[in-house]
């Protein structure tokens, strides 16, 4: 792949992603337009492709998702969290404990440094974890590989679970790709720009997604204005996020991670199973369906979970509330967990060396 020109690589990326995304849509796979580009990106990244998605486009794609989420958010989102706060807090603590256990076992039974294992196994916003990892002595390349490997696993598994759970009622009924445009689209671009501009200045993790979601939800709930997020714009955002994740799986980083790849995969699957168990408990305690509970506790990236939730007819407000709460909690506890794993999780031979 690396012997091809950049123009040829871009052509292959675009055409293959379009074909695979459409094929997954035909089979009514939720988040098809995310999974298709992501899978193509992984294959091209591992075969030496040089194409990359500019970080600014990835941030803009997150802002599009934020505006999409805003259409599902309202003040009523706080009601289930406040009414059932003991359950919400318990699930949050157990998810963090599952993450800590996963990181501990990964560092204990692999050659990974403690800080790298801690940040790599932390569920939450993958991009936020990668951005913070380098400040705490972790190998950013391995953290990125672990984070996006888990995103790939979680996104694929969640989409498959959604497809099985929804059966013939899955997404893809009647998508209106090019609706009549109105002033809401212009407002959407304004909200996106505001979120992207404010996020780094306010230092809000995943702010490019969260700020447009909150701003748009405030406008929508107050009746001041309504955002318009057409399907074609969402498809572009899904593709950009899928490519950004997939193309990170480069051959050099893969070879670097190959020695501990089995432990990484076992750690990811174990964390997914633990969170799946928490989802089952959540359905027994609260009045939520299994897919809503599964996505609310899923250890994937905030943006990918949002895409799957939007295409799965679940309670997206509850999912985003739980995911956002967990993200901020992990960002607060992550440094302490990294220090703990660096000190106590390494085998004795590593500590003495």
Protein backbone atom coordinates (compact mmCIF):
# COMPACT_ATOMS: atom_id res chain seq x y z
CA UNK A 1 0.00 0.00 0.00
CA UNK A 2 2.83 2.42 0.82
CA UNK A 3 4.13 2.27 -2.78
CA UNK A 4 0.93 3.87 -4.06
CA UNK A 5 0.60 7.63 -4.37
CA UNK A 6 -1.35 9.57 -1.77
CA UNK A 7 -4.01 10.33 -4.39
CA UNK A 8 -4.44 6.61 -5.10
CA UNK A 9 -4.59 5.80 -1.38
CA UNK A 10 -7.27 8.45 -0.83
CA UNK A 11 -9.26 7.03 -3.75
CA UNK A 12 -9.07 3.51 -2.31
CA UNK A 13 -10.01 4.78 1.16
CA UNK A 14 -13.06 6.66 -0.13
CA UNK A 15 -14.34 4.01 -2.55
CA UNK A 16 -13.77 1.03 -0.23
CA UNK A 17 -15.35 2.85 2.74
CA UNK A 18 -18.39 3.81 0.67
CA UNK A 19 -18.86 0.28 -0.65
CA UNK A 20 -18.41 -1.42 2.73
CA UNK A 21 -20.58 1.16 4.52
CA UNK A 22 -23.38 0.68 1.97
CA UNK A 23 -23.05 -3.12 2.26
CA UNK A 24 -23.40 -2.93 6.05
CA UNK A 25 -26.41 -0.64 5.59
CA UNK A 26 -28.03 -3.22 3.32
CA UNK A 27 -27.67 -5.77 6.13
CA UNK A 28 -29.08 -3.16 8.56
CA UNK A 29 -26.02 -3.07 10.81
CA UNK A 30 -26.24 -0.17 13.31
CA UNK A 31 -23.44 2.39 12.92
CA UNK A 32 -22.69 0.96 9.46
CA UNK A 33 -21.26 4.27 8.26
CA UNK A 34 -18.85 4.26 11.22
CA UNK A 35 -17.84 0.60 11.06
CA UNK A 36 -17.25 0.55 7.30
CA UNK A 37 -14.69 3.39 7.23
CA UNK A 38 -13.15 2.16 10.49
CA UNK A 39 -12.55 -1.36 9.14
CA UNK A 40 -11.14 -0.02 5.86
CA UNK A 41 -8.90 2.35 7.83
CA UNK A 42 -7.55 -0.52 9.97
CA UNK A 43 -6.71 -2.62 6.90
CA UNK A 44 -5.05 0.29 5.12
CA UNK A 45 -3.16 1.40 8.24
CA UNK A 46 -1.73 -2.08 8.80
CA UNK A 47 -0.74 -2.39 5.13
CA UNK A 48 1.33 0.78 5.24
CA UNK A 49 -1.01 3.48 3.96
CA UNK A 50 0.27 7.02 4.52
CA UNK A 51 -3.08 8.84 4.44
CA UNK A 52 -4.07 10.52 7.70
CA UNK A 53 -7.05 12.54 8.90
CA UNK A 54 -6.16 16.02 10.10
CA UNK A 55 -6.99 16.42 13.79
CA UNK A 56 -9.11 19.48 12.98
CA UNK A 57 -11.48 17.37 10.88
CA UNK A 58 -11.74 14.82 13.69
CA UNK A 59 -12.68 17.62 16.10
CA UNK A 60 -15.28 18.99 13.67
CA UNK A 61 -16.75 15.51 13.31
CA UNK A 62 -17.11 15.32 17.09
CA UNK A 63 -18.93 18.68 17.01
CA UNK A 64 -21.39 17.28 14.45
CA UNK A 65 -22.09 14.37 16.81
CA UNK A 66 -22.60 16.83 19.65
CA UNK A 67 -25.29 18.63 17.65
CA UNK A 68 -26.92 15.30 16.82
CA UNK A 69 -26.95 14.34 20.50
CA UNK A 70 -28.41 17.75 21.42
CA UNK A 71 -31.62 16.82 19.63
CA UNK A 72 -32.13 14.00 22.15
CA UNK A 73 -31.15 15.85 25.32
CA UNK A 74 -33.47 17.77 27.62
CA UNK A 75 -33.63 18.70 31.32
CA UNK A 76 -35.50 15.42 31.88
CA UNK A 77 -32.15 13.66 31.42
CA UNK A 78 -31.36 14.47 35.05
CA UNK A 79 -34.50 12.82 36.40
CA UNK A 80 -33.38 9.16 36.20
CA UNK A 81 -29.91 10.08 37.43
CA UNK A 82 -31.24 11.96 40.46
CA UNK A 83 -34.06 9.57 41.28
CA UNK A 84 -31.82 6.52 41.10
CA UNK A 85 -28.53 8.13 42.10
CA UNK A 86 -27.46 5.25 44.42
CA UNK A 87 -27.68 2.81 41.50
CA UNK A 88 -25.95 5.23 39.13
CA UNK A 89 -23.11 5.82 41.59
CA UNK A 90 -22.78 2.08 42.28
CA UNK A 91 -22.57 1.26 38.56
CA UNK A 92 -20.05 4.06 38.08
CA UNK A 93 -17.84 2.81 40.92
CA UNK A 94 -18.06 -0.81 39.71
CA UNK A 95 -17.14 0.26 36.17
CA UNK A 96 -14.08 2.10 37.51
CA UNK A 97 -13.21 -0.96 39.61
CA UNK A 98 -13.52 -3.20 36.53
CA UNK A 99 -11.22 -0.82 34.64
CA UNK A 100 -8.69 -0.83 37.49
CA UNK A 101 -8.77 -4.65 37.68
CA UNK A 102 -8.32 -4.93 33.92
CA UNK A 103 -5.35 -2.55 34.01
CA UNK A 104 -3.83 -4.29 37.02
CA UNK A 105 -4.00 -7.75 35.41
CA UNK A 106 -2.70 -6.40 32.10
CA UNK A 107 0.35 -4.81 33.71
CA UNK A 108 0.92 -7.80 36.01
CA UNK A 109 0.96 -10.36 33.18
CA UNK A 110 2.62 -8.36 30.42
CA UNK A 111 5.72 -6.28 29.79
CA UNK A 112 3.83 -3.00 29.75
CA UNK A 113 4.90 -0.20 32.13
CA UNK A 114 2.32 0.57 34.80
CA UNK A 115 1.38 4.02 33.51
CA UNK A 116 0.94 2.73 29.96
CA UNK A 117 -1.29 -0.11 31.14
CA UNK A 118 -3.37 2.23 33.31
CA UNK A 119 -4.08 4.83 30.64
CA UNK A 120 -4.48 2.23 27.92
CA UNK A 121 -7.14 0.31 29.84
CA UNK A 122 -9.13 3.32 31.11
CA UNK A 123 -12.65 3.37 29.58
CA UNK A 124 -13.84 6.77 28.46
CA UNK A 125 -12.89 9.21 25.73
CA UNK A 126 -10.05 7.53 23.84
CA UNK A 127 -8.67 10.79 22.49
CA UNK A 128 -8.69 12.36 25.97
CA UNK A 129 -6.86 9.35 27.45
CA UNK A 130 -4.20 9.50 24.74
CA UNK A 131 -3.76 13.25 25.18
CA UNK A 132 -3.22 12.95 28.94
CA UNK A 133 -1.13 9.78 28.95
CA UNK A 134 2.13 11.38 27.87
CA UNK A 135 2.07 13.76 30.82
CA UNK A 136 2.22 10.80 33.21
CA UNK A 137 5.13 8.88 31.72
CA UNK A 138 3.15 6.52 29.50
CA UNK A 139 4.11 5.42 25.99
CA UNK A 140 1.58 7.41 23.96
CA UNK A 141 1.90 5.09 20.93
CA UNK A 142 0.93 2.01 22.94
CA UNK A 143 -1.81 3.87 24.82
CA UNK A 144 -3.30 5.00 21.50
CA UNK A 145 -3.10 1.46 20.12
CA UNK A 146 -4.78 -0.02 23.22
CA UNK A 147 -7.48 2.64 23.36
CA UNK A 148 -8.44 2.39 19.71
CA UNK A 149 -8.16 -1.40 19.68
CA UNK A 150 -10.77 -1.40 22.45
CA UNK A 151 -12.89 1.14 20.55
CA UNK A 152 -12.76 -1.19 17.53
CA UNK A 153 -13.80 -4.20 19.64
CA UNK A 154 -16.53 -2.31 21.51
CA UNK A 155 -17.96 -0.60 18.43
CA UNK A 156 -18.14 -3.87 16.51
CA UNK A 157 -19.60 -5.82 19.44
CA UNK A 158 -22.16 -3.13 20.30
CA UNK A 159 -23.29 -2.86 16.69
CA UNK A 160 -23.68 -6.64 16.46
CA UNK A 161 -25.57 -6.80 19.78
CA UNK A 162 -27.83 -3.97 18.59
CA UNK A 163 -28.47 -5.81 15.33
CA UNK A 164 -29.34 -9.05 17.13
CA UNK A 165 -31.44 -7.31 19.75
CA UNK A 166 -33.41 -5.22 17.25
CA UNK A 167 -33.83 -7.96 14.65
CA UNK A 168 -35.87 -6.71 11.72
CA UNK A 169 -36.63 -3.47 13.57
CA UNK A 170 -33.05 -2.25 13.19
CA UNK A 171 -32.10 1.10 11.79
CA UNK A 172 -32.13 1.81 8.06
CA UNK A 173 -35.89 2.02 7.63
CA UNK A 174 -36.31 5.27 5.68
CA UNK A 175 -33.33 7.58 5.81
CA UNK A 176 -33.86 10.95 4.15
CA UNK A 177 -30.35 11.72 2.97
CA UNK A 178 -30.98 15.16 1.48
CA UNK A 179 -33.88 16.88 3.27
CA UNK A 180 -34.99 20.43 2.56
CA UNK A 181 -32.56 22.73 4.33
CA UNK A 182 -33.62 25.52 6.70
CA UNK A 183 -32.01 28.01 9.08
CA UNK A 184 -31.41 25.23 11.60
CA UNK A 185 -28.47 24.01 9.51
CA UNK A 186 -26.77 27.41 9.71
CA UNK A 187 -27.38 27.42 13.47
CA UNK A 188 -25.85 23.94 13.65
CA UNK A 189 -22.66 25.24 12.03
CA UNK A 190 -22.59 28.18 14.47
CA UNK A 191 -22.98 25.86 17.48
CA UNK A 192 -20.28 23.55 16.07
CA UNK A 193 -17.88 26.47 15.64
CA UNK A 194 -18.60 27.73 19.15
CA UNK A 195 -17.96 24.32 20.67
CA UNK A 196 -14.72 23.76 18.73
CA UNK A 197 -13.45 27.24 19.64
CA UNK A 198 -14.40 27.08 23.33
CA UNK A 199 -13.32 23.48 24.08
CA UNK A 200 -9.52 24.01 24.18
CA UNK A 201 -9.88 27.37 25.93
CA UNK A 202 -12.05 25.93 28.70
CA UNK A 203 -9.95 22.74 28.76
CA UNK A 204 -13.02 20.52 28.77
CA UNK A 205 -12.22 16.88 27.86
CA UNK A 206 -14.10 15.83 24.72
CA UNK A 207 -15.38 19.41 24.76
CA UNK A 208 -15.78 19.51 20.98
CA UNK A 209 -18.54 16.91 21.42
CA UNK A 210 -19.95 17.87 24.81
CA UNK A 211 -20.19 21.66 24.39
CA UNK A 212 -22.28 21.56 21.16
CA UNK A 213 -24.44 18.91 22.82
CA UNK A 214 -25.13 21.12 25.85
CA UNK A 215 -25.51 24.35 23.86
CA UNK A 216 -27.80 22.73 21.32
CA UNK A 217 -29.83 21.03 24.05
CA UNK A 218 -30.31 24.38 25.82
CA UNK A 219 -31.55 26.00 22.60
CA UNK A 220 -33.79 23.05 21.81
CA UNK A 221 -35.26 22.69 25.31
CA UNK A 222 -35.98 26.40 25.69
CA UNK A 223 -37.75 26.54 22.34
CA UNK A 224 -35.42 29.30 21.12
CA UNK A 225 -34.26 27.41 18.04
CA UNK A 226 -33.93 23.94 16.53
CA UNK A 227 -30.78 22.46 15.06
CA UNK A 228 -30.79 20.60 11.76
CA UNK A 229 -28.32 17.74 11.33
CA UNK A 230 -29.03 16.07 7.95
CA UNK A 231 -28.03 12.46 7.31
CA UNK A 232 -25.36 13.40 4.77
CA UNK A 233 -23.59 15.54 7.38
CA UNK A 234 -23.74 12.72 9.92
CA UNK A 235 -22.36 10.29 7.32
CA UNK A 236 -19.36 12.57 6.74
CA UNK A 237 -18.76 12.85 10.50
CA UNK A 238 -19.07 9.08 10.99
CA UNK A 239 -16.55 8.46 8.19
CA UNK A 240 -14.03 10.95 9.58
CA UNK A 241 -14.19 9.39 13.04
CA UNK A 242 -13.97 5.86 11.60
CA UNK A 243 -10.92 6.77 9.52
CA UNK A 244 -9.28 8.61 12.43
CA UNK A 245 -9.58 5.48 14.58
CA UNK A 246 -8.75 2.92 11.90
CA UNK A 247 -5.71 4.61 10.40
CA UNK A 248 -4.02 4.76 13.82
CA UNK A 249 -3.41 1.02 13.52
CA UNK A 250 -0.11 1.45 11.70
CA UNK A 251 2.32 -1.40 11.11
CA UNK A 252 5.17 0.00 13.29
CA UNK A 253 2.88 0.49 16.30
CA UNK A 254 1.30 -2.93 15.71
CA UNK A 255 4.74 -4.59 15.67
CA UNK A 256 5.66 -2.69 18.85
CA UNK A 257 2.48 -3.95 20.53
CA UNK A 258 2.63 -7.49 19.12
CA UNK A 259 4.51 -8.87 22.13
CA UNK A 260 1.66 -7.95 24.48
CA UNK A 261 -1.22 -8.17 21.98
CA UNK A 262 -2.72 -11.38 23.46
CA UNK A 263 -2.81 -9.83 26.94
CA UNK A 264 -4.35 -6.65 25.50
CA UNK A 265 -7.12 -8.61 23.75
CA UNK A 266 -7.87 -10.67 26.87
CA UNK A 267 -7.95 -7.47 28.95
CA UNK A 268 -10.36 -5.79 26.52
CA UNK A 269 -12.69 -8.78 26.33
CA UNK A 270 -12.62 -9.15 30.12
CA UNK A 271 -13.52 -5.48 30.60
CA UNK A 272 -16.33 -5.76 28.04
CA UNK A 273 -17.74 -8.82 29.83
CA UNK A 274 -17.59 -7.11 33.23
CA UNK A 275 -19.38 -4.04 31.86
CA UNK A 276 -21.91 -6.32 30.15
CA UNK A 277 -22.62 -7.91 33.52
CA UNK A 278 -23.18 -4.46 35.01
CA UNK A 279 -25.60 -3.71 32.16
CA UNK A 280 -27.61 -6.82 33.02
CA UNK A 281 -27.76 -5.72 36.68
CA UNK A 282 -28.88 -2.26 35.55
CA UNK A 283 -31.86 -3.71 33.68
CA UNK A 284 -32.98 -5.50 36.85
CA UNK A 285 -32.82 -2.39 39.02
CA UNK A 286 -33.89 0.39 36.66
CA UNK A 287 -36.58 0.47 33.98
CA UNK A 288 -34.19 0.45 31.01
CA UNK A 289 -33.87 -2.01 28.14
CA UNK A 290 -30.79 -4.17 27.74
CA UNK A 291 -29.37 -2.21 24.78
CA UNK A 292 -29.67 1.11 26.64
CA UNK A 293 -27.97 -0.42 29.67
CA UNK A 294 -25.28 -2.07 27.51
CA UNK A 295 -24.36 1.18 25.75
CA UNK A 296 -24.54 3.17 29.00
CA UNK A 297 -21.92 0.90 30.59
CA UNK A 298 -19.96 0.11 27.41
CA UNK A 299 -16.22 0.88 27.76
CA UNK A 300 -15.91 2.47 24.33
CA UNK A 301 -15.18 6.01 23.26
CA UNK A 302 -17.86 8.61 23.90
CA UNK A 303 -18.21 9.47 20.22
CA UNK A 304 -18.48 5.90 18.93
CA UNK A 305 -21.01 4.94 21.60
CA UNK A 306 -23.05 8.02 20.65
CA UNK A 307 -23.10 6.94 16.99
CA UNK A 308 -24.27 3.42 17.84
CA UNK A 309 -26.87 4.72 20.31
CA UNK A 310 -28.28 7.10 17.70
CA UNK A 311 -28.80 4.23 15.29
CA UNK A 312 -30.20 1.72 17.77
CA UNK A 313 -33.41 3.34 19.05
CA UNK A 314 -32.27 3.33 22.66
CA UNK A 315 -32.62 5.99 25.36
CA UNK A 316 -29.73 8.12 24.06
CA UNK A 317 -30.19 10.70 26.83
CA UNK A 318 -29.59 8.09 29.53
CA UNK A 319 -26.66 6.59 27.60
CA UNK A 320 -24.96 9.96 27.16
CA UNK A 321 -25.58 10.97 30.78
CA UNK A 322 -23.90 7.79 32.06
CA UNK A 323 -21.04 7.97 29.57
CA UNK A 324 -20.35 11.66 30.26
CA UNK A 325 -20.44 11.14 34.03
CA UNK A 326 -17.98 8.25 33.71
CA UNK A 327 -15.67 10.22 31.42
CA UNK A 328 -15.28 13.08 33.89
CA UNK A 329 -14.85 10.66 36.80
CA UNK A 330 -12.09 8.78 34.98
CA UNK A 331 -10.32 12.00 34.08
CA UNK A 332 -10.30 12.92 37.76
CA UNK A 333 -9.18 9.50 39.02
CA UNK A 334 -6.92 8.52 36.10
CA UNK A 335 -3.67 10.06 37.38
CA UNK A 336 -4.03 8.40 40.79
CA UNK A 337 -4.82 5.03 39.17
CA UNK A 338 -1.80 5.35 36.87
CA UNK A 339 0.47 6.02 39.84
CA UNK A 340 -0.98 3.06 41.74
CA UNK A 341 -0.51 0.62 38.86
CA UNK A 342 2.98 1.91 38.17
CA UNK A 343 3.92 1.21 41.76
CA UNK A 344 2.07 -1.99 42.68
CA UNK A 345 0.97 -3.84 39.54
CA UNK A 346 4.35 -4.59 37.97
CA UNK A 347 5.88 -8.02 38.58
CA UNK A 348 8.63 -8.11 41.20
CA UNK A 349 11.34 -8.61 38.58
CA UNK A 350 10.28 -5.39 36.85
CA UNK A 351 10.19 -3.45 40.08
CA UNK A 352 13.65 -4.58 41.10
CA UNK A 353 15.05 -3.69 37.65
